[in-house]
Amino acid sequence: MAGVNAQLFTLRIKTVLMLLLLSFASSLFATERAGEDWPQFLGPGANGMSVETGLLDKWSTNGPPLLWERKIGTGYGAPSVWGNQLVLHHRIADEEIVESFDAISGKSSWHYNYPSKFVDPYGYNNGPRCTPLLTSNLCYTFGAEGKLTCLGTKTGKLVWQRDTGFDFNVPEAFFGVGSTPILEGNLLIVMVGGQPNSGVVAFDAKTGKTVWESVGKKNWEGVPMTGWPGERTVKWQSWEKQASYSTPVAATIQGQRQILCLTRQGLVSLNPTNGNVNFSFWFRSQLNDSVNAMNPVVVDDTIFISGAYYKIGSVLLRVKPDCKNAEEVWRNTALEIHWTTPIYHDGYLYAFSGRNEPDAHFRCVELKTGKLMWDHDESWAHHSTPTPSVYGRGSCIMADGKLIILGEGGLLGLFKINSKQPEEICRFQVPQLHHPCWAAPILSHKRLYLRSEDHLVCLDLAK
């Protein structure tokens, strides 16, 4: 009998040890997969940077492991991730669709549809251009025609919706609506583009009611047209487009909270509580058919902005202590950024420069001086091999001490962060993707999500 009891005791000990080991392994796996959400355009910090570590140092010629892929509707906006939920805004036939997927498996969980008649006047696809904005309980989207929608994140049920094109006098945009809203406290800040003074509008994030309207004739009339020939000043026209394809940026500069909006006319700094204009800085190409699309980059008391159209280039501004003005530090064409937003790291900017594919370059520029540190020619015209061998124009994000690059033809690359010279670690043509890939990569919980015009893939970047 004593022998039986001893055997039972030993079995119990082994069972307990096994459960402990399983618990430890599960905890270790959870830790290894731990990361952060990517709930808005350009990630948690709205700057294209992630704090996640434990990512692949390089990948084989076959690329990172594919977790799942999906055929999707048209559009140019990246998805967003909250926990294990991914939300994508796309268009199928004559409807815009806000759709929720399981971020791990790609399985659809809910969708909210509404009709859209938008047709891109330049022949690009007719899907939405903005990225969903997620909180734990609310999801905000901005459609190509200006439908501003708030849904329950978990249910997909409508909370409120505003038709900004109808509610505000919005001139027709070049390529539809493409400026993603941001949250600042309990306000949803949206570059609506309304005339005469509704370029930027703040809505109550819970109800959708208008809180303030700002930007337009009042702040631009008489402003010097810096960078244009002669001593010209702005003479406001009632038909002027105001909205750009840049997303507002919230930042604290000189101790003051500000909303920075790179509108079609240039940079505007706003007081987020009431919409009052701190300063306006003209920054627009002399070419009428032109847009501003990159997000302002804020470093201490300086703001970097850039454009790719005729005679625009880049400018670094320094905000005065009273925040009522900003002065030029330098202006040049070392970076001419079309639609991507640079990554800033340790004094340097990393970004793709060039308006079109034939003049695309991947570059590093010193922020404080505007000095070009290195140039990596990515133009298709200068390479005899097929187009996937270069990135063309691309987007990049920063994670685990490296730059993750997605070229507009679906070429995925990994670069070391090096201000002395371009240092590529590896590259891989994602077979499911094709031109145009104009949405920046997103990284959440060690999973990399990439989209082309009509395809979404999920790759595993965990070591």
Protein backbone atom coordinates (compact mmCIF):
# COMPACT_ATOMS: atom_id res chain seq x y z
CA MET A 1 0.00 0.00 0.00
CA ALA A 2 2.86 2.33 0.84
CA GLY A 3 4.37 1.66 -2.61
CA VAL A 4 1.11 2.63 -4.33
CA ASN A 5 0.90 5.88 -2.34
CA ALA A 6 4.49 6.69 -3.27
CA GLN A 7 3.71 6.13 -6.95
CA LEU A 8 0.62 8.36 -6.71
CA PHE A 9 2.66 11.05 -5.01
CA THR A 10 5.33 10.86 -7.70
CA LEU A 11 2.66 11.05 -10.43
CA ARG A 12 1.15 14.12 -8.81
CA ILE A 13 4.55 15.81 -8.62
CA LYS A 14 5.18 15.06 -12.30
CA THR A 15 1.73 16.40 -13.22
CA VAL A 16 2.31 19.61 -11.29
CA LEU A 17 5.74 20.05 -12.91
CA MET A 18 4.26 19.45 -16.36
CA LEU A 19 1.52 22.04 -15.75
CA LEU A 20 4.13 24.52 -14.53
CA LEU A 21 6.23 23.91 -17.65
CA LEU A 22 3.22 24.33 -19.91
CA SER A 23 2.27 27.53 -18.09
CA PHE A 24 5.83 28.84 -18.43
CA ALA A 25 5.95 27.94 -22.13
CA SER A 26 2.61 29.64 -22.71
CA SER A 27 3.80 32.72 -20.82
CA LEU A 28 7.05 32.72 -22.78
CA PHE A 29 5.19 32.47 -26.09
CA ALA A 30 2.89 35.32 -25.06
CA THR A 31 5.92 37.41 -24.11
CA GLU A 32 7.65 36.60 -27.40
CA ARG A 33 4.51 37.63 -29.33
CA ALA A 34 3.90 40.70 -27.16
CA GLY A 35 3.97 43.98 -28.99
CA GLU A 36 1.86 47.07 -29.44
CA ASP A 37 -1.26 48.11 -31.28
CA TRP A 38 -1.16 50.15 -34.47
CA PRO A 39 -4.45 52.01 -34.05
CA GLN A 40 -4.01 54.97 -36.39
CA PHE A 41 -2.22 56.31 -39.44
CA LEU A 42 1.56 55.78 -39.04
CA GLY A 43 1.20 53.86 -35.81
CA PRO A 44 0.93 54.49 -32.06
CA GLY A 45 3.08 57.63 -32.16
CA ALA A 46 1.76 58.74 -35.58
CA ASN A 47 5.39 58.85 -36.75
CA GLY A 48 5.93 55.46 -38.42
CA MET A 49 7.97 54.15 -35.49
CA SER A 50 7.44 51.04 -33.36
CA VAL A 51 9.02 50.02 -30.04
CA GLU A 52 8.61 46.30 -30.81
CA THR A 53 11.70 44.12 -30.56
CA GLY A 54 12.46 40.45 -31.17
CA LEU A 55 11.90 40.79 -34.91
CA LEU A 56 13.67 38.89 -37.67
CA ASP A 57 17.16 40.26 -38.28
CA LYS A 58 16.86 39.24 -41.94
CA TRP A 59 14.77 36.98 -44.10
CA SER A 60 15.50 34.48 -46.82
CA THR A 61 14.90 34.96 -50.52
CA ASN A 62 11.41 33.55 -49.86
CA GLY A 63 10.66 36.40 -47.46
CA PRO A 64 9.11 36.31 -43.99
CA PRO A 65 6.57 33.50 -43.33
CA LEU A 66 3.12 34.22 -44.76
CA LEU A 67 0.40 33.98 -42.09
CA TRP A 68 -2.57 34.85 -44.30
CA GLU A 69 -3.66 36.78 -47.36
CA ARG A 70 -6.94 38.20 -48.65
CA LYS A 71 -8.30 39.69 -51.81
CA ILE A 72 -9.85 43.03 -50.85
CA GLY A 73 -11.70 45.93 -52.41
CA THR A 74 -9.96 48.98 -53.82
CA GLY A 75 -8.44 51.81 -51.85
CA TYR A 76 -5.12 53.29 -50.80
CA GLY A 77 -5.47 53.51 -47.01
CA ALA A 78 -3.63 51.18 -44.64
CA PRO A 79 -5.57 49.10 -42.10
CA SER A 80 -5.31 49.69 -38.35
CA VAL A 81 -4.97 47.18 -35.49
CA TRP A 82 -6.34 47.17 -31.94
CA GLY A 83 -5.50 44.01 -30.01
CA ASN A 84 -6.39 41.07 -32.24
CA GLN A 85 -8.71 43.15 -34.37
CA LEU A 86 -7.77 44.64 -37.74
CA VAL A 87 -10.02 47.19 -39.45
CA LEU A 88 -9.82 48.03 -43.14
CA HIS A 89 -11.72 50.63 -45.16
CA HIS A 90 -12.16 49.59 -48.80
CA ARG A 91 -14.60 49.72 -51.69
CA ILE A 92 -16.39 46.98 -53.61
CA ALA A 93 -18.66 47.94 -56.53
CA ASP A 94 -20.71 50.99 -55.48
CA GLU A 95 -20.19 50.69 -51.71
CA GLU A 96 -17.51 51.78 -49.25
CA ILE A 97 -17.01 49.08 -46.64
CA VAL A 98 -15.57 49.35 -43.15
CA GLU A 99 -14.63 45.78 -42.29
CA SER A 100 -13.21 44.12 -39.19
CA PHE A 101 -10.96 41.06 -39.41
CA ASP A 102 -9.27 38.78 -36.92
CA ALA A 103 -5.71 40.09 -37.05
CA ILE A 104 -4.27 36.59 -36.47
CA SER A 105 -6.30 34.57 -38.99
CA GLY A 106 -7.68 37.18 -41.39
CA LYS A 107 -11.25 35.99 -40.83
CA SER A 108 -13.91 38.69 -41.26
CA SER A 109 -16.00 39.45 -38.16
CA TRP A 110 -18.22 42.42 -39.12
CA HIS A 111 -18.66 45.02 -41.83
CA TYR A 112 -20.53 48.29 -42.28
CA ASN A 113 -21.44 49.37 -45.82
CA TYR A 114 -22.72 52.61 -47.32
CA PRO A 115 -23.12 53.73 -50.96
CA SER A 116 -20.41 55.70 -52.77
CA LYS A 117 -20.55 57.33 -56.20
CA PHE A 118 -17.01 58.71 -56.11
CA VAL A 119 -15.09 58.54 -59.39
CA ASP A 120 -11.46 59.64 -59.36
CA PRO A 121 -11.15 62.44 -61.95
CA TYR A 122 -7.60 61.36 -62.84
CA GLY A 123 -8.45 57.69 -63.39
CA TYR A 124 -7.05 56.21 -60.18
CA ASN A 125 -9.14 53.72 -58.22
CA ASN A 126 -12.32 54.92 -56.54
CA GLY A 127 -11.76 53.48 -53.08
CA PRO A 128 -11.17 55.39 -49.84
CA ARG A 129 -7.77 56.95 -49.22
CA CYS A 130 -7.77 57.32 -45.42
CA THR A 131 -6.77 54.96 -42.60
CA PRO A 132 -9.25 53.90 -39.86
CA LEU A 133 -8.71 55.45 -36.43
CA LEU A 134 -9.38 53.03 -33.56
CA THR A 135 -9.99 53.26 -29.84
CA SER A 136 -11.10 50.49 -27.48
CA ASN A 137 -14.76 51.21 -28.27
CA LEU A 138 -14.95 53.50 -31.32
CA CYS A 139 -13.79 53.31 -34.94
CA TYR A 140 -13.57 56.41 -37.15
CA THR A 141 -13.28 56.43 -40.94
CA PHE A 142 -13.26 59.16 -43.61
CA GLY A 143 -14.50 58.18 -47.07
CA ALA A 144 -13.42 59.37 -50.51
CA GLU A 145 -16.54 61.58 -50.78
CA GLY A 146 -16.16 62.99 -47.28
CA LYS A 147 -18.43 60.64 -45.29
CA LEU A 148 -17.12 60.85 -41.71
CA THR A 149 -18.29 57.73 -39.87
CA CYS A 150 -18.10 56.57 -36.27
CA LEU A 151 -18.80 52.89 -35.51
CA GLY A 152 -18.61 50.68 -32.45
CA THR A 153 -15.22 48.96 -32.63
CA LYS A 154 -16.50 45.62 -31.37
CA THR A 155 -19.86 45.57 -33.11
CA GLY A 156 -19.54 47.66 -36.26
CA LYS A 157 -22.83 49.40 -35.43
CA LEU A 158 -23.26 53.02 -36.47
CA VAL A 159 -22.77 55.58 -33.68
CA TRP A 160 -22.89 58.71 -35.85
CA GLN A 161 -22.10 59.89 -39.37
CA ARG A 162 -21.50 63.28 -40.98
CA ASP A 163 -21.54 64.09 -44.68
CA THR A 164 -18.83 66.75 -44.67
CA GLY A 165 -19.20 67.41 -48.38
CA PHE A 166 -22.84 68.40 -47.77
CA ASP A 167 -22.45 70.05 -44.36
CA PHE A 168 -19.54 72.27 -45.43
CA ASN A 169 -18.84 74.05 -48.70
CA VAL A 170 -16.05 71.75 -49.91
CA PRO A 171 -14.59 72.30 -53.41
CA GLU A 172 -13.90 69.09 -55.33
CA ALA A 173 -10.51 67.64 -54.45
CA PHE A 174 -7.98 66.41 -57.02
CA PHE A 175 -8.08 62.75 -55.93
CA GLY A 176 -10.96 62.60 -53.45
CA VAL A 177 -10.68 62.97 -49.68
CA GLY A 178 -7.34 61.72 -48.34
CA SER A 179 -6.50 63.34 -44.99
CA THR A 180 -6.99 60.93 -42.08
CA PRO A 181 -8.66 62.39 -38.93
CA ILE A 182 -6.87 62.40 -35.56
CA LEU A 183 -8.04 62.40 -31.95
CA GLU A 184 -6.99 65.13 -29.56
CA GLY A 185 -8.65 64.60 -26.19
CA ASN A 186 -12.40 64.42 -26.82
CA LEU A 187 -12.11 66.11 -30.22
CA LEU A 188 -11.90 64.51 -33.63
CA ILE A 189 -9.77 66.86 -35.76
CA VAL A 190 -10.52 66.63 -39.48
CA MET A 191 -9.09 68.46 -42.50
CA VAL A 192 -12.46 68.97 -44.17
CA GLY A 193 -11.46 71.66 -46.68
CA GLY A 194 -14.65 73.74 -46.42
CA GLN A 195 -15.02 77.32 -47.64
CA PRO A 196 -14.56 80.04 -46.60
CA ASN A 197 -13.19 79.21 -43.13
CA SER A 198 -13.80 75.52 -42.53
CA GLY A 199 -10.53 74.08 -43.78
CA VAL A 200 -10.15 72.23 -40.48
CA VAL A 201 -13.07 71.22 -38.29
CA ALA A 202 -13.19 69.75 -34.78
CA PHE A 203 -16.05 67.37 -33.99
CA ASP A 204 -17.16 66.00 -30.65
CA ALA A 205 -15.67 62.50 -30.84
CA LYS A 206 -18.68 60.87 -29.14
CA THR A 207 -21.55 62.67 -30.86
CA GLY A 208 -20.16 64.05 -34.12
CA LYS A 209 -21.36 67.57 -33.35
CA THR A 210 -19.28 70.46 -34.66
CA VAL A 211 -17.18 72.10 -31.92
CA TRP A 212 -15.16 74.60 -33.97
CA GLU A 213 -14.27 75.50 -37.57
CA SER A 214 -11.07 77.22 -38.68
CA VAL A 215 -8.62 77.87 -41.53
CA GLY A 216 -9.36 79.66 -44.78
CA LYS A 217 -9.83 83.21 -45.91
CA LYS A 218 -9.35 84.73 -42.43
CA ASN A 219 -5.86 83.34 -41.87
CA TRP A 220 -4.55 83.16 -45.47
CA GLU A 221 -5.66 86.51 -46.90
CA GLY A 222 -2.58 88.74 -47.22
CA VAL A 223 -0.04 86.09 -46.15
CA PRO A 224 3.30 86.35 -48.05
CA MET A 225 3.58 83.66 -50.75
CA THR A 226 7.01 82.54 -49.59
CA GLY A 227 9.12 80.88 -52.25
CA TRP A 228 7.12 82.36 -55.13
CA PRO A 229 8.63 85.04 -57.41
CA GLY A 230 8.06 88.67 -56.49
CA GLU A 231 6.58 90.04 -53.26
CA ARG A 232 3.20 88.42 -53.72
CA THR A 233 0.58 87.94 -51.02
CA VAL A 234 -2.42 85.63 -50.92
CA LYS A 235 -5.62 86.93 -52.50
CA TRP A 236 -8.24 84.43 -51.38
CA GLN A 237 -10.61 82.91 -53.92
CA SER A 238 -13.94 81.35 -52.97
CA TRP A 239 -13.24 78.27 -55.12
CA GLU A 240 -9.83 77.49 -53.56
CA LYS A 241 -9.25 73.90 -52.53
CA GLN A 242 -8.09 73.75 -48.92
CA ALA A 243 -7.81 70.10 -48.00
CA SER A 244 -4.57 68.29 -48.78
CA TYR A 245 -3.53 64.64 -48.45
CA SER A 246 -1.54 65.26 -45.30
CA THR A 247 -2.86 64.13 -41.92
CA PRO A 248 -2.90 66.65 -39.04
CA VAL A 249 -0.20 66.24 -36.40
CA ALA A 250 -0.68 67.00 -32.70
CA ALA A 251 2.48 68.16 -30.92
CA THR A 252 3.71 70.19 -27.97
CA ILE A 253 6.09 72.93 -29.12
CA GLN A 254 7.53 75.65 -26.88
CA GLY A 255 5.33 74.26 -24.11
CA GLN A 256 2.10 74.77 -26.08
CA ARG A 257 -0.12 72.04 -27.49
CA GLN A 258 -0.68 72.59 -31.22
CA ILE A 259 -2.38 70.96 -34.18
CA LEU A 260 -0.21 71.25 -37.29
CA CYS A 261 -2.01 70.97 -40.62
CA LEU A 262 -0.16 70.97 -43.92
CA THR A 263 -3.07 72.18 -46.03
CA ARG A 264 -3.02 72.82 -49.77
CA GLN A 265 -1.89 76.41 -49.10
CA GLY A 266 0.74 75.50 -46.53
CA LEU A 267 1.32 74.90 -42.84
CA VAL A 268 -1.13 76.12 -40.22
CA SER A 269 -0.69 75.84 -36.44
CA LEU A 270 -3.94 75.71 -34.44
CA ASN A 271 -4.92 75.86 -30.80
CA PRO A 272 -6.73 72.52 -30.35
CA THR A 273 -9.19 73.83 -27.78
CA ASN A 274 -10.78 76.51 -29.96
CA GLY A 275 -9.20 76.34 -33.42
CA ASN A 276 -7.52 79.74 -33.17
CA VAL A 277 -4.65 80.10 -35.65
CA ASN A 278 -1.19 80.53 -34.13
CA PHE A 279 0.60 81.07 -37.44
CA SER A 280 0.30 80.33 -41.16
CA PHE A 281 3.23 79.55 -43.46
CA TRP A 282 2.68 79.50 -47.23
CA PHE A 283 4.04 76.27 -48.76
CA ARG A 284 2.61 75.41 -52.15
CA SER A 285 3.99 74.56 -55.55
CA GLN A 286 3.53 77.14 -58.29
CA LEU A 287 1.99 74.33 -60.33
CA ASN A 288 -1.80 74.42 -59.91
CA ASP A 289 -2.27 70.65 -60.29
CA SER A 290 -0.23 69.84 -57.20
CA VAL A 291 -0.77 68.50 -53.70
CA ASN A 292 0.83 68.42 -50.27
CA ALA A 293 0.72 64.90 -48.83
CA MET A 294 3.48 64.16 -46.29
CA ASN A 295 2.84 64.71 -42.57
CA PRO A 296 4.80 67.46 -40.78
CA VAL A 297 7.72 66.07 -38.76
CA VAL A 298 8.22 67.81 -35.40
CA VAL A 299 11.57 67.71 -33.58
CA ASP A 300 11.83 69.95 -30.50
CA ASP A 301 10.95 73.46 -31.74
CA THR A 302 11.41 72.67 -35.44
CA ILE A 303 8.97 71.45 -38.10
CA PHE A 304 9.98 69.76 -41.35
CA ILE A 305 7.69 69.84 -44.40
CA SER A 306 8.26 68.75 -47.99
CA GLY A 307 6.58 68.50 -51.39
CA ALA A 308 7.41 66.92 -54.73
CA TYR A 309 5.84 69.24 -57.29
CA TYR A 310 7.45 72.03 -59.31
CA LYS A 311 9.86 74.27 -57.33
CA ILE A 312 8.71 73.26 -53.85
CA GLY A 313 11.34 71.00 -52.18
CA SER A 314 11.66 71.05 -48.39
CA VAL A 315 11.72 73.58 -45.58
CA LEU A 316 12.76 73.36 -41.94
CA LEU A 317 10.96 75.87 -39.73
CA ARG A 318 11.75 76.97 -36.19
CA VAL A 319 8.76 78.01 -34.07
CA LYS A 320 9.25 81.24 -32.12
CA PRO A 321 8.87 81.07 -28.29
CA ASP A 322 5.45 82.77 -28.40
CA CYS A 323 4.27 80.25 -31.05
CA LYS A 324 2.88 83.10 -33.14
CA ASN A 325 5.39 82.75 -35.94
CA ALA A 326 7.91 80.40 -37.50
CA GLU A 327 11.13 81.24 -39.33
CA GLU A 328 12.95 79.35 -42.07
CA VAL A 329 16.09 77.50 -40.97
CA TRP A 330 16.84 76.12 -44.43
CA ARG A 331 15.16 75.38 -47.75
CA ASN A 332 16.41 73.05 -50.50
CA THR A 333 15.52 70.11 -52.76
CA ALA A 334 17.53 67.37 -51.02
CA LEU A 335 14.13 65.81 -50.30
CA GLU A 336 11.14 66.24 -52.58
CA ILE A 337 8.55 64.04 -50.91
CA HIS A 338 5.38 63.10 -52.74
CA TRP A 339 3.18 61.11 -50.35
CA THR A 340 5.30 59.32 -47.77
CA THR A 341 6.32 60.68 -44.34
CA PRO A 342 10.01 60.57 -43.36
CA ILE A 343 11.39 58.56 -40.47
CA TYR A 344 13.39 60.75 -38.08
CA HIS A 345 16.15 59.14 -36.02
CA ASP A 346 19.10 60.67 -34.16
CA GLY A 347 19.30 63.86 -36.19
CA TYR A 348 18.56 62.39 -39.63
CA LEU A 349 15.58 61.96 -41.94
CA TYR A 350 15.11 58.80 -44.02
CA ALA A 351 12.63 59.09 -46.88
CA PHE A 352 11.80 58.45 -50.50
CA SER A 353 12.18 61.50 -52.74
CA GLY A 354 10.71 62.11 -56.18
CA ARG A 355 7.37 62.97 -57.70
CA ASN A 356 7.13 60.06 -60.15
CA GLU A 357 8.57 56.56 -60.48
CA PRO A 358 11.30 57.54 -62.98
CA ASP A 359 12.91 60.01 -60.55
CA ALA A 360 12.57 58.07 -57.28
CA HIS A 361 15.44 58.10 -54.76
CA PHE A 362 15.81 56.75 -51.22
CA ARG A 363 17.73 59.34 -49.23
CA CYS A 364 19.14 60.34 -45.87
CA VAL A 365 19.23 64.03 -44.98
CA GLU A 366 20.60 65.78 -41.89
CA LEU A 367 17.70 67.57 -40.24
CA LYS A 368 19.47 70.62 -38.81
CA THR A 369 21.29 71.54 -42.04
CA GLY A 370 19.37 69.92 -44.89
CA LYS A 371 22.59 68.27 -46.03
CA LEU A 372 22.17 65.20 -48.26
CA MET A 373 24.07 62.38 -46.52
CA TRP A 374 23.46 59.65 -49.10
CA ASP A 375 21.35 58.87 -52.13
CA HIS A 376 20.10 55.46 -53.28
CA ASP A 377 18.79 55.65 -56.84
CA GLU A 378 15.46 53.78 -57.01
CA SER A 379 14.28 55.06 -60.39
CA TRP A 380 13.10 52.36 -62.74
CA ALA A 381 14.50 54.22 -65.75
CA HIS A 382 18.08 53.74 -64.52
CA HIS A 383 17.86 49.96 -64.10
CA SER A 384 17.91 47.44 -66.94
CA THR A 385 16.40 44.63 -64.85
CA PRO A 386 12.60 44.27 -64.35
CA THR A 387 10.85 46.91 -62.25
CA PRO A 388 10.48 44.80 -59.06
CA SER A 389 14.28 45.03 -58.66
CA VAL A 390 13.92 48.61 -57.37
CA TYR A 391 11.57 50.20 -54.85
CA GLY A 392 10.48 53.13 -57.00
CA ARG A 393 8.77 55.48 -54.59
CA GLY A 394 8.19 53.75 -51.31
CA SER A 395 7.25 54.00 -47.65
CA CYS A 396 9.23 53.01 -44.59
CA ILE A 397 8.64 52.41 -40.91
CA MET A 398 11.19 51.91 -38.15
CA ALA A 399 11.25 48.96 -35.73
CA ASP A 400 13.86 47.04 -33.74
CA GLY A 401 16.63 49.34 -34.95
CA LYS A 402 15.90 48.85 -38.65
CA LEU A 403 13.92 50.39 -41.50
CA ILE A 404 11.22 48.24 -43.08
CA ILE A 405 10.66 49.39 -46.66
CA LEU A 406 7.74 48.76 -48.99
CA GLY A 407 8.27 49.85 -52.59
CA GLU A 408 5.32 50.82 -54.74
CA GLY A 409 5.70 47.65 -56.79
CA GLY A 410 5.51 45.35 -53.75
CA LEU A 411 9.25 44.99 -53.10
CA LEU A 412 9.82 44.53 -49.35
CA GLY A 413 13.21 45.49 -47.93
CA LEU A 414 15.09 45.72 -44.66
CA PHE A 415 17.75 48.39 -44.08
CA LYS A 416 20.11 49.14 -41.23
CA ILE A 417 19.75 52.67 -39.89
CA ASN A 418 22.96 54.26 -41.10
CA SER A 419 23.43 57.98 -41.78
CA LYS A 420 26.77 57.39 -43.53
CA GLN A 421 25.62 55.10 -46.34
CA PRO A 422 22.61 53.02 -47.44
CA GLU A 423 22.93 49.53 -45.96
CA GLU A 424 20.37 47.04 -47.22
CA ILE A 425 20.13 43.76 -45.29
CA CYS A 426 17.70 41.87 -47.51
CA ARG A 427 14.81 42.26 -49.92
CA PHE A 428 11.86 40.19 -51.16
CA GLN A 429 9.26 40.73 -53.85
CA VAL A 430 5.91 39.93 -52.24
CA PRO A 431 4.20 37.83 -54.93
CA GLN A 432 0.66 38.82 -53.94
CA LEU A 433 1.38 42.54 -54.28
CA HIS A 434 1.68 44.69 -57.37
CA HIS A 435 1.81 48.36 -58.27
CA PRO A 436 0.51 50.54 -56.72
CA CYS A 437 1.46 49.84 -53.08
CA TRP A 438 1.03 53.34 -51.68
CA ALA A 439 0.07 52.50 -48.10
CA ALA A 440 2.91 52.32 -45.59
CA PRO A 441 3.52 48.97 -43.83
CA ILE A 442 1.94 48.48 -40.43
CA LEU A 443 3.44 46.40 -37.63
CA SER A 444 1.51 45.05 -34.68
CA HIS A 445 2.42 42.20 -32.31
CA LYS A 446 5.25 41.14 -34.63
CA ARG A 447 2.91 40.79 -37.59
CA LEU A 448 3.55 42.92 -40.67
CA TYR A 449 0.51 43.92 -42.73
CA LEU A 450 0.97 45.10 -46.31
CA ARG A 451 -1.62 46.16 -48.87
CA SER A 452 -1.65 46.88 -52.56
CA GLU A 453 -4.58 48.34 -54.44
CA ASP A 454 -6.60 45.14 -54.01
CA HIS A 455 -4.70 42.67 -51.82
CA LEU A 456 -3.82 42.40 -48.12
CA VAL A 457 -1.12 40.11 -46.72
CA CYS A 458 0.04 39.34 -43.19
CA LEU A 459 3.68 38.27 -42.63
CA ASP A 460 5.27 36.92 -39.45
CA LEU A 461 8.29 38.97 -38.34
CA ALA A 462 8.80 37.21 -34.98
CA LYS A 463 12.22 35.63 -34.46
